[in-house]
Amino acid sequence: MVKSRYKEDRGGLYKVRERKSAKSPHAMGEANIGGKLYFIAAWTKVNEYSGEKYMNLVFREKPEEE
């Protein structure tokens, strides 16, 4: 079992106040999914056909601390 501030299958995403470059994510956070911790990065995008805004998410498993 991993230590996390989030209950299982929950997480948080927070706005990045100062992006380092245009490719940096707009939001970052972490989630506890199935008892494993994941880093989350999110970019706000606009659908080129409908004009609707959406968030593109990337999940990366957080290494276990020993």
C-alpha atoms as a PDB file:
ATOM      1  CA  MET A   1       0.000   0.000   0.000  1.00  0.00           C
ATOM      2  CA  VAL A   2       1.348   3.417  -0.915  1.00  0.00           C
ATOM      3  CA  LYS A   3       1.122   6.550   1.205  1.00  0.00           C
ATOM      4  CA  SER A   4      -0.916   9.209  -0.525  1.00  0.00           C
ATOM      5  CA  ARG A   5      -2.988  12.209   0.450  1.00  0.00           C
ATOM      6  CA  TYR A   6      -5.703  10.805  -1.827  1.00  0.00           C
ATOM      7  CA  LYS A   7      -7.989   7.856  -1.258  1.00  0.00           C
ATOM      8  CA  GLU A   8      -7.811   5.049  -3.809  1.00  0.00           C
ATOM      9  CA  ASP A   9      -9.046   6.011  -7.294  1.00  0.00           C
ATOM     10  CA  ARG A  10      -8.883   9.725  -6.470  1.00  0.00           C
ATOM     11  CA  GLY A  11      -6.454  12.515  -7.307  1.00  0.00           C
ATOM     12  CA  GLY A  12      -5.912  16.213  -7.740  1.00  0.00           C
ATOM     13  CA  LEU A  13      -4.966  18.486 -10.603  1.00  0.00           C
ATOM     14  CA  TYR A  14      -3.634  21.986  -9.983  1.00  0.00           C
ATOM     15  CA  LYS A  15      -3.086  24.898 -12.360  1.00  0.00           C
ATOM     16  CA  VAL A  16       0.572  25.625 -13.165  1.00  0.00           C
ATOM     17  CA  ARG A  17       1.132  29.284 -12.278  1.00  0.00           C
ATOM     18  CA  GLU A  18       4.313  29.824 -14.287  1.00  0.00           C
ATOM     19  CA  ARG A  19       4.827  27.609 -17.319  1.00  0.00           C
ATOM     20  CA  LYS A  20       8.493  27.226 -18.313  1.00  0.00           C
ATOM     21  CA  SER A  21       7.753  26.990 -22.046  1.00  0.00           C
ATOM     22  CA  ALA A  22       4.843  26.781 -24.496  1.00  0.00           C
ATOM     23  CA  LYS A  23       5.103  22.969 -24.295  1.00  0.00           C
ATOM     24  CA  SER A  24       4.804  22.863 -20.491  1.00  0.00           C
ATOM     25  CA  PRO A  25       1.528  21.516 -19.071  1.00  0.00           C
ATOM     26  CA  HIS A  26      -1.230  23.907 -17.991  1.00  0.00           C
ATOM     27  CA  ALA A  27      -1.959  21.755 -14.904  1.00  0.00           C
ATOM     28  CA  MET A  28      -0.163  19.065 -12.893  1.00  0.00           C
ATOM     29  CA  GLY A  29      -1.018  16.767 -10.027  1.00  0.00           C
ATOM     30  CA  GLU A  30      -1.099  13.194  -8.823  1.00  0.00           C
ATOM     31  CA  ALA A  31      -3.581  10.357  -8.424  1.00  0.00           C
ATOM     32  CA  ASN A  32      -3.853   7.104  -6.478  1.00  0.00           C
ATOM     33  CA  ILE A  33      -5.156   4.556  -8.989  1.00  0.00           C
ATOM     34  CA  GLY A  34      -5.457   0.940  -7.934  1.00  0.00           C
ATOM     35  CA  GLY A  35      -3.106   1.570  -5.011  1.00  0.00           C
ATOM     36  CA  LYS A  36      -0.342   3.012  -7.240  1.00  0.00           C
ATOM     37  CA  LEU A  37       0.653   6.676  -7.418  1.00  0.00           C
ATOM     38  CA  TYR A  38       0.716   8.474 -10.760  1.00  0.00           C
ATOM     39  CA  PHE A  39       1.896  11.907 -11.825  1.00  0.00           C
ATOM     40  CA  ILE A  40      -0.658  13.728 -14.011  1.00  0.00           C
ATOM     41  CA  ALA A  41       0.101  16.436 -16.572  1.00  0.00           C
ATOM     42  CA  ALA A  42      -2.680  18.240 -18.466  1.00  0.00           C
ATOM     43  CA  TRP A  43      -2.780  20.591 -21.434  1.00  0.00           C
ATOM     44  CA  THR A  44      -5.810  22.694 -22.386  1.00  0.00           C
ATOM     45  CA  LYS A  45      -6.562  22.317 -26.088  1.00  0.00           C
ATOM     46  CA  VAL A  46      -9.260  23.368 -28.547  1.00  0.00           C
ATOM     47  CA  ASN A  47     -10.941  20.900 -30.895  1.00  0.00           C
ATOM     48  CA  GLU A  48     -10.213  22.153 -34.405  1.00  0.00           C
ATOM     49  CA  TYR A  49     -13.628  21.071 -35.745  1.00  0.00           C
ATOM     50  CA  SER A  50     -16.068  22.001 -32.964  1.00  0.00           C
ATOM     51  CA  GLY A  51     -14.086  24.725 -31.202  1.00  0.00           C
ATOM     52  CA  GLU A  52     -14.759  23.029 -27.844  1.00  0.00           C
ATOM     53  CA  LYS A  53     -12.075  23.185 -25.164  1.00  0.00           C
ATOM     54  CA  TYR A  54     -10.813  19.945 -23.660  1.00  0.00           C
ATOM     55  CA  MET A  55      -7.909  18.709 -21.535  1.00  0.00           C
ATOM     56  CA  ASN A  56      -5.308  16.289 -22.866  1.00  0.00           C
ATOM     57  CA  LEU A  57      -3.986  14.162 -19.954  1.00  0.00           C
ATOM     58  CA  VAL A  58      -0.796  12.148 -19.466  1.00  0.00           C
ATOM     59  CA  PHE A  59      -0.376   9.705 -16.563  1.00  0.00           C
ATOM     60  CA  ARG A  60       3.094   8.518 -15.540  1.00  0.00           C
ATOM     61  CA  GLU A  61       3.648   6.018 -12.723  1.00  0.00           C
ATOM     62  CA  LYS A  62       5.454   7.573  -9.773  1.00  0.00           C
ATOM     63  CA  PRO A  63       8.516   5.562  -8.650  1.00  0.00           C
ATOM     64  CA  GLU A  64       8.126   3.881  -5.266  1.00  0.00           C
ATOM     65  CA  GLU A  65      10.083   5.530  -2.472  1.00  0.00           C
ATOM     66  CA  GLU A  66      12.314   3.191  -0.524  1.00  0.00           C
END
